[in-house]
Each structure stands twice: as C-alpha cells, then as structure tokens.
Amino acid sequence: MTVDELPVAWRLPAQDVKAGWRALWWTVGPDGELAVMLVQRRYLSRDTYPRGWIGWRPETPFDAELVITSGQEQRRIPVEGIGMRPSHLALLPGSRFLLASGRTHRDAEGAWQKNAVVYSPEGRPEGALCLGDDIPALVTDRSGGIWTAYGDEGIYGGHPESASGLAGWNTRGVATWAPKGRLPDLPLEGCTAATEGEWVWLVWYSPMGAFLTRITPSTGEVASYRSPVKVPDGFAVRGTRVVLTSRDHYKRWTTVTRAELVGDECVAIGQERVRVPGRVVMRCGQGRDGTLWLRAGRTWLRIDA
C-alpha cells in the first residue's frame, strides 16, 4: 500500500514553512476538527534526541498560532506568552483548548507543580492545573474530561494518580477516575488514546503485553482487550472493527493492522506495511470515532477502521 491510497486530511502549507512556522503539537477534536499548534523557528532549538518534529524545543516564553481545520474551514488563533514546554494539545468544549507538559516536579514545599493550562477561545489563559507526571498519551472526551496514560517514570515517581497508570481529570485538575484494580495488569507505559462516541480508549502495555482499555466516563465502567500489536502508536475503533498502527521510528513507513474485538481480545485479521509522505515519530496517532489520524512529518492522513 502507498500513501496515494490513504486520504490526506491536511498538510502544512508551503508558504507557512517558508515563513518560518513549524508544526508542533496537534490533536483531533470530538467533531473531527484537526488542531495544530505552529511556532516560529526563531523560538526553537533542536535536541539531538528524539529526532523529527517532536525534538524541537521552544525557549520560553514564546508565541504560537493555533490552526483549526474542519472540512474547508480554517481558523487561526494567536497564543502569546506561553510559559511552558508543552507535550500535548487537546480541544475542550466551548472552543477552549488545553496545553499540557508531559512532566511535573515537586516544588520547595513538596507540592506537585501545575503542568497544564486551559485557554479561552481567544487564546488567553483561564486556569492552570496538574495532570500528573510522565504523560505519553492524553485525550479529551465530548464533555471536556481529560484522560491520561502514564509512563514508567510517572508510575514509579510518587505522584498518586500517575502511580495507577491511567487517570481521568476535569479542567480544575481534580481526578475523576482511577482504575481501582480493574485492569488486567499494572500499566508500565502509555501508548496512545482514542474516543468512540462517549467512550474513551487508553492504550498501554505491561510485562503481560499491550492492552486496549475502554472507559465509560458517565459510569466509570472499564473493559480491557488484549492488543494484537505489541506497542501500537495509533488506534481507532468503530463498533467491533479496529485499526492500529506501529511505526518504523523516524522512517517513512508504518504498519497498519486491522482487527476485530472478539470476547476479551482484539484479533488481527490483516496487516500491511504502508509508505507515508513524512517521517513518523512518537505521538503520531490519535483515534476519533472510527478514524485513525496519522501524522507523517508535515502531513496528516486518515485511516478508517
């Protein structure tokens, strides 16, 4: 399969690249709108690792521009004076949005520092909160709930919510959901996240393998399925149909696995290696209502379950 067979959802325009804009954090909203945060090259330096867009490091404070595209419509929102180095962008109800850093630390008094900021539709800060430590995956649901999966440094780092591996939050920074022993194993690392209607899915792995955990926010109910892919970096589900991706890190290839939910397992029914138009790195996939959005360099593709 080639990139020509995958629909292109959006590509950073050449004139933006020429003007010095770099596409950094991104997300897909519950209504299928793609949001990408652009930062000027003059604010950025590059770490030696990781490679790709995720290795750009902004010098704080910095200004940015949030681009939201839906169909043929596009909005651009200036965001000034960002004082953190974000890892995640997420959309919230009422045209608000969230920027979150993946890490937090204790202050001099021992309290965990705030590592996320809620912004107004006009791009102004409304409030700050702490979402735990070491967050490789984050997604928001239709009601504005925030869902996080943690890495090993957070799980074993002392933060109470991070220690459970998965968590749910509201925009005031109050934890609203925890696994409470209902997972098949203790998570070791979060992989990716998705939503399907009102359900939230968090994908993670442990020494037992990778799992797809479905959470019902209104009741807190949990169902987990064993993943057919060892470490998926993209996931989407529609009914019982599932699509997962596993990248060739910093290559122009990804493996697309199609599967079905059967009992308490997700059973693979087909697999293809796909060439994509840009290099794929960490945080390259997010699922919304049966569509997996895949970032490949400056291009975003859609893969339907």
Protein backbone atom coordinates (compact mmCIF):
# COMPACT_ATOMS: atom_id res chain seq x y z
CA MET A 1 0.00 0.00 0.00
CA THR A 2 1.22 3.53 -0.74
CA VAL A 3 0.38 6.96 0.58
CA ASP A 4 -1.75 7.57 -2.51
CA GLU A 5 -4.27 5.12 -1.08
CA LEU A 6 -4.62 6.99 2.24
CA PRO A 7 -6.66 10.22 2.31
CA VAL A 8 -4.66 13.34 3.17
CA ALA A 9 -6.55 15.36 5.80
CA TRP A 10 -4.20 18.36 5.92
CA ARG A 11 -0.70 19.40 5.06
CA LEU A 12 1.22 22.36 6.48
CA PRO A 13 1.17 24.87 3.61
CA ALA A 14 4.50 25.56 1.90
CA GLN A 15 4.04 29.29 2.48
CA ASP A 16 3.88 28.70 6.25
CA VAL A 17 7.08 26.66 6.14
CA LYS A 18 8.78 29.39 4.11
CA ALA A 19 7.55 31.99 6.62
CA GLY A 20 9.32 30.13 9.46
CA TRP A 21 6.38 28.27 11.02
CA ARG A 22 6.94 24.77 12.40
CA ALA A 23 4.05 22.42 13.22
CA LEU A 24 4.50 21.01 16.72
CA TRP A 25 1.72 19.72 19.00
CA TRP A 26 -1.55 18.54 17.50
CA THR A 27 -4.85 16.86 18.28
CA VAL A 28 -8.23 15.96 16.80
CA GLY A 29 -11.42 17.22 18.44
CA PRO A 30 -14.58 15.18 19.11
CA ASP A 31 -16.20 16.60 15.95
CA GLY A 32 -13.28 15.62 13.74
CA GLU A 33 -11.58 19.01 13.66
CA LEU A 34 -7.79 18.92 13.37
CA ALA A 35 -5.88 21.36 15.59
CA VAL A 36 -2.17 22.05 15.08
CA MET A 37 0.00 24.48 17.05
CA LEU A 38 2.51 26.41 14.93
CA VAL A 39 5.62 28.02 16.41
CA GLN A 40 8.13 30.28 14.70
CA ARG A 41 11.56 28.79 14.06
CA ARG A 42 13.24 31.66 15.93
CA TYR A 43 11.83 30.35 19.22
CA LEU A 44 13.10 26.81 18.66
CA SER A 45 16.24 24.79 19.15
CA ARG A 46 16.64 21.12 18.36
CA ASP A 47 17.57 18.37 20.78
CA THR A 48 19.73 15.57 19.44
CA TYR A 49 17.01 13.12 20.52
CA PRO A 50 14.28 12.47 19.70
CA ARG A 51 14.52 13.25 16.02
CA GLY A 52 11.68 14.71 13.98
CA TRP A 53 9.21 17.44 14.94
CA ILE A 54 8.98 16.13 18.49
CA GLY A 55 12.62 17.10 19.04
CA TRP A 56 12.02 20.85 18.62
CA ARG A 57 12.47 22.66 21.94
CA PRO A 58 10.85 26.09 22.43
CA GLU A 59 12.57 28.73 24.52
CA THR A 60 10.05 30.19 26.96
CA PRO A 61 8.13 32.39 26.84
CA PHE A 62 7.13 32.04 23.21
CA ASP A 63 4.24 32.94 20.93
CA ALA A 64 2.37 30.48 18.74
CA GLU A 65 -0.60 30.17 16.42
CA LEU A 66 -3.29 27.52 16.74
CA VAL A 67 -4.67 26.35 13.39
CA ILE A 68 -8.02 24.52 13.50
CA THR A 69 -9.29 22.96 10.28
CA SER A 70 -12.67 21.33 9.70
CA GLY A 71 -13.53 20.44 6.13
CA GLN A 72 -12.76 23.51 4.04
CA GLU A 73 -12.95 25.88 7.02
CA GLN A 74 -9.88 27.08 8.87
CA ARG A 75 -9.36 29.30 11.92
CA ARG A 76 -6.10 30.72 13.23
CA ILE A 77 -5.83 31.81 16.85
CA PRO A 78 -2.75 33.67 18.15
CA VAL A 79 -1.48 32.42 21.52
CA GLU A 80 1.01 34.74 23.20
CA GLY A 81 3.49 34.31 26.04
CA ILE A 82 3.39 30.52 26.50
CA GLY A 83 5.46 29.84 29.60
CA MET A 84 5.77 26.04 29.45
CA ARG A 85 7.24 23.49 27.07
CA PRO A 86 4.10 21.57 26.02
CA SER A 87 3.91 17.90 25.12
CA HIS A 88 0.17 17.75 24.36
CA LEU A 89 -2.58 19.86 22.83
CA ALA A 90 -6.26 19.00 23.35
CA LEU A 91 -9.58 20.63 22.45
CA LEU A 92 -12.28 21.35 25.04
CA PRO A 93 -15.99 22.25 24.75
CA GLY A 94 -16.86 25.86 24.02
CA SER A 95 -13.88 26.31 21.65
CA ARG A 96 -11.42 26.25 24.57
CA PHE A 97 -8.20 24.24 24.42
CA LEU A 98 -5.55 22.75 26.68
CA LEU A 99 -1.76 22.73 26.57
CA ALA A 100 -0.01 20.24 28.83
CA SER A 101 3.59 19.34 29.59
CA GLY A 102 4.36 15.67 29.96
CA ARG A 103 6.37 16.19 33.13
CA THR A 104 5.90 17.85 36.52
CA HIS A 105 8.05 18.10 39.64
CA ARG A 106 7.60 18.91 43.30
CA ASP A 107 8.15 22.49 44.45
CA ALA A 108 10.13 23.53 47.53
CA GLU A 109 7.14 22.73 49.76
CA GLY A 110 6.67 19.27 48.25
CA ALA A 111 3.55 20.10 46.18
CA TRP A 112 3.32 18.93 42.58
CA GLN A 113 3.71 21.83 40.17
CA LYS A 114 0.98 22.64 37.66
CA ASN A 115 1.80 21.36 34.19
CA ALA A 116 -1.30 22.21 32.12
CA VAL A 117 -3.11 25.41 31.13
CA VAL A 118 -6.69 25.86 29.90
CA TYR A 119 -7.07 28.59 27.25
CA SER A 120 -10.09 30.60 26.17
CA PRO A 121 -11.36 30.52 22.56
CA GLU A 122 -9.34 33.72 22.02
CA GLY A 123 -6.10 32.07 23.19
CA ARG A 124 -5.89 33.60 26.67
CA PRO A 125 -5.01 31.53 29.77
CA GLU A 126 -8.02 30.75 32.00
CA GLY A 127 -6.54 28.42 34.61
CA ALA A 128 -3.64 26.09 35.42
CA LEU A 129 -3.75 22.54 36.79
CA CYS A 130 -1.62 19.46 37.43
CA LEU A 131 -2.34 16.30 35.42
CA GLY A 132 0.30 14.03 36.93
CA ASP A 133 3.81 13.16 35.83
CA ASP A 134 5.22 11.49 32.70
CA ILE A 135 2.28 11.60 30.24
CA PRO A 136 2.91 9.90 26.87
CA ALA A 137 -0.81 9.89 25.90
CA LEU A 138 -3.63 12.39 26.54
CA VAL A 139 -7.10 12.81 25.05
CA THR A 140 -10.28 14.76 25.87
CA ASP A 141 -13.84 13.46 25.62
CA ARG A 142 -17.01 15.17 24.39
CA SER A 143 -17.86 16.51 27.86
CA GLY A 144 -14.44 18.05 28.42
CA GLY A 145 -13.00 15.28 30.57
CA ILE A 146 -9.23 14.81 30.29
CA TRP A 147 -7.80 11.28 30.10
CA THR A 148 -4.16 10.39 30.61
CA ALA A 149 -1.90 7.35 30.38
CA TYR A 150 1.46 7.46 32.15
CA GLY A 151 5.00 6.25 31.61
CA ASP A 152 7.19 4.30 34.00
CA GLU A 153 8.87 7.40 35.46
CA GLY A 154 5.44 8.70 36.49
CA ILE A 155 4.09 5.35 37.65
CA TYR A 156 7.09 4.85 39.95
CA GLY A 157 7.76 8.54 40.63
CA GLY A 158 5.48 9.18 43.59
CA HIS A 159 2.57 11.10 42.04
CA PRO A 160 -0.63 9.40 43.33
CA GLU A 161 -2.67 9.44 40.11
CA SER A 162 0.29 8.63 37.88
CA ALA A 163 1.00 5.56 40.03
CA SER A 164 -2.20 3.90 38.76
CA GLY A 165 -1.04 4.10 35.14
CA LEU A 166 -4.29 5.63 33.82
CA ALA A 167 -6.42 8.52 35.11
CA GLY A 168 -9.35 10.81 34.31
CA TRP A 169 -9.49 14.52 35.21
CA ASN A 170 -11.68 17.58 34.99
CA THR A 171 -10.44 21.01 33.90
CA ARG A 172 -10.00 22.10 37.54
CA GLY A 173 -7.32 19.44 38.00
CA VAL A 174 -9.48 17.12 40.12
CA ALA A 175 -9.02 13.41 39.45
CA THR A 176 -12.41 11.95 38.43
CA TRP A 177 -11.50 8.35 37.56
CA ALA A 178 -8.93 5.72 38.54
CA PRO A 179 -8.56 2.02 37.59
CA LYS A 180 -9.02 0.74 41.16
CA GLY A 181 -7.66 -2.70 40.37
CA ARG A 182 -9.87 -3.28 37.32
CA LEU A 183 -7.05 -3.60 34.77
CA PRO A 184 -5.54 -6.96 33.74
CA ASP A 185 -2.10 -5.77 34.88
CA LEU A 186 -0.35 -2.65 36.19
CA PRO A 187 0.49 -0.42 33.21
CA LEU A 188 4.15 0.22 32.52
CA GLU A 189 3.83 2.74 29.67
CA GLY A 190 1.00 4.54 27.86
CA CYS A 191 0.98 4.24 24.06
CA THR A 192 -1.88 6.23 22.53
CA ALA A 193 -5.53 7.18 23.06
CA ALA A 194 -8.83 7.40 21.19
CA THR A 195 -12.52 8.10 21.65
CA GLU A 196 -15.60 6.44 20.18
CA GLY A 197 -18.81 8.31 20.87
CA GLU A 198 -18.97 8.70 24.65
CA TRP A 199 -16.33 6.04 25.27
CA VAL A 200 -12.66 6.76 25.92
CA TRP A 201 -9.93 4.28 24.99
CA LEU A 202 -6.45 4.30 26.53
CA VAL A 203 -3.80 2.02 25.06
CA TRP A 204 -0.92 0.83 27.25
CA TYR A 205 1.48 -2.02 27.77
CA SER A 206 2.85 -4.04 30.68
CA PRO A 207 5.00 -7.18 31.06
CA MET A 208 1.85 -9.14 30.08
CA GLY A 209 1.59 -7.35 26.73
CA ALA A 210 -0.37 -4.42 25.30
CA PHE A 211 -3.99 -3.70 26.16
CA LEU A 212 -6.82 -1.54 24.84
CA THR A 213 -8.88 -0.23 27.78
CA ARG A 214 -12.36 1.20 27.17
CA ILE A 215 -13.76 3.55 29.83
CA THR A 216 -17.34 4.79 30.10
CA PRO A 217 -16.95 8.28 31.64
CA SER A 218 -20.55 8.52 32.88
CA THR A 219 -20.33 5.33 34.95
CA GLY A 220 -16.59 4.66 35.28
CA GLU A 221 -17.00 1.15 33.87
CA VAL A 222 -13.92 -0.49 32.36
CA ALA A 223 -13.34 -3.17 29.73
CA SER A 224 -9.88 -4.23 28.53
CA TYR A 225 -8.87 -6.17 25.41
CA ARG A 226 -5.52 -7.73 24.65
CA SER A 227 -3.90 -5.95 21.71
CA PRO A 228 -2.64 -7.87 18.66
CA VAL A 229 0.10 -5.24 18.23
CA LYS A 230 2.96 -5.23 20.73
CA VAL A 231 3.41 -1.44 21.03
CA PRO A 232 0.79 0.42 18.93
CA ASP A 233 1.25 4.14 18.42
CA GLY A 234 -2.11 4.74 16.77
CA PHE A 235 -5.53 3.21 17.43
CA ALA A 236 -9.15 3.74 16.36
CA VAL A 237 -12.31 1.68 16.79
CA ARG A 238 -15.76 1.63 15.17
CA GLY A 239 -18.09 -0.92 16.74
CA THR A 240 -16.07 -4.14 16.70
CA ARG A 241 -13.72 -3.00 13.91
CA VAL A 242 -10.28 -1.81 14.98
CA VAL A 243 -7.28 -0.29 13.21
CA LEU A 244 -3.83 0.05 14.81
CA THR A 245 -0.53 1.44 13.56
CA SER A 246 3.04 0.66 14.57
CA ARG A 247 5.70 2.96 13.16
CA ASP A 248 9.15 2.35 11.84
CA HIS A 249 10.65 5.07 14.02
CA TYR A 250 11.85 8.07 12.01
CA LYS A 251 11.17 6.22 8.76
CA ARG A 252 8.56 6.84 6.09
CA TRP A 253 6.78 3.58 6.87
CA THR A 254 4.14 2.39 9.30
CA THR A 255 2.44 -0.98 9.72
CA VAL A 256 -1.37 -0.89 9.62
CA THR A 257 -3.13 -3.74 11.43
CA ARG A 258 -6.86 -4.33 11.06
CA ALA A 259 -8.58 -6.32 13.79
CA GLU A 260 -11.92 -7.29 15.38
CA LEU A 261 -12.99 -7.22 19.01
CA VAL A 262 -13.87 -10.80 19.94
CA GLY A 263 -14.63 -11.63 23.58
CA ASP A 264 -11.91 -10.03 25.68
CA GLU A 265 -9.36 -9.95 22.87
CA CYS A 266 -8.67 -7.90 19.77
CA VAL A 267 -7.93 -10.37 16.97
CA ALA A 268 -5.87 -9.31 13.95
CA ILE A 269 -7.44 -10.03 10.56
CA GLY A 270 -4.98 -8.28 8.25
CA GLN A 271 -1.73 -6.32 8.20
CA GLU A 272 0.02 -4.11 5.65
CA ARG A 273 3.19 -2.04 5.64
CA VAL A 274 2.37 1.43 4.33
CA ARG A 275 4.65 4.11 2.91
CA VAL A 276 3.77 7.62 4.16
CA PRO A 277 4.85 11.10 2.98
CA GLY A 278 6.94 12.04 6.03
CA ARG A 279 8.85 10.51 8.90
CA VAL A 280 6.79 9.04 11.74
CA VAL A 281 7.89 9.60 15.34
CA MET A 282 6.30 9.44 18.80
CA ARG A 283 2.76 10.81 19.27
CA CYS A 284 1.94 10.27 15.62
CA GLY A 285 -1.56 8.75 16.03
CA GLN A 286 -4.93 9.58 17.58
CA GLY A 287 -8.32 7.94 17.05
CA ARG A 288 -11.71 9.67 16.88
CA ASP A 289 -14.97 7.83 16.15
CA GLY A 290 -13.54 5.12 13.96
CA THR A 291 -10.89 7.20 12.18
CA LEU A 292 -7.20 7.00 13.00
CA TRP A 293 -5.42 10.29 12.32
CA LEU A 294 -1.77 9.67 11.50
CA ARG A 295 0.89 12.37 11.40
CA ALA A 296 3.75 11.82 8.95
CA GLY A 297 6.08 14.81 9.05
CA ARG A 298 4.07 17.86 7.90
CA THR A 299 1.16 15.76 6.61
CA TRP A 300 -1.88 14.31 8.39
CA LEU A 301 -3.55 11.19 6.99
CA ARG A 302 -6.84 9.44 7.81
CA ILE A 303 -7.26 5.68 8.18
CA ASP A 304 -10.80 4.39 8.74
CA ALA A 305 -11.47 1.35 10.90
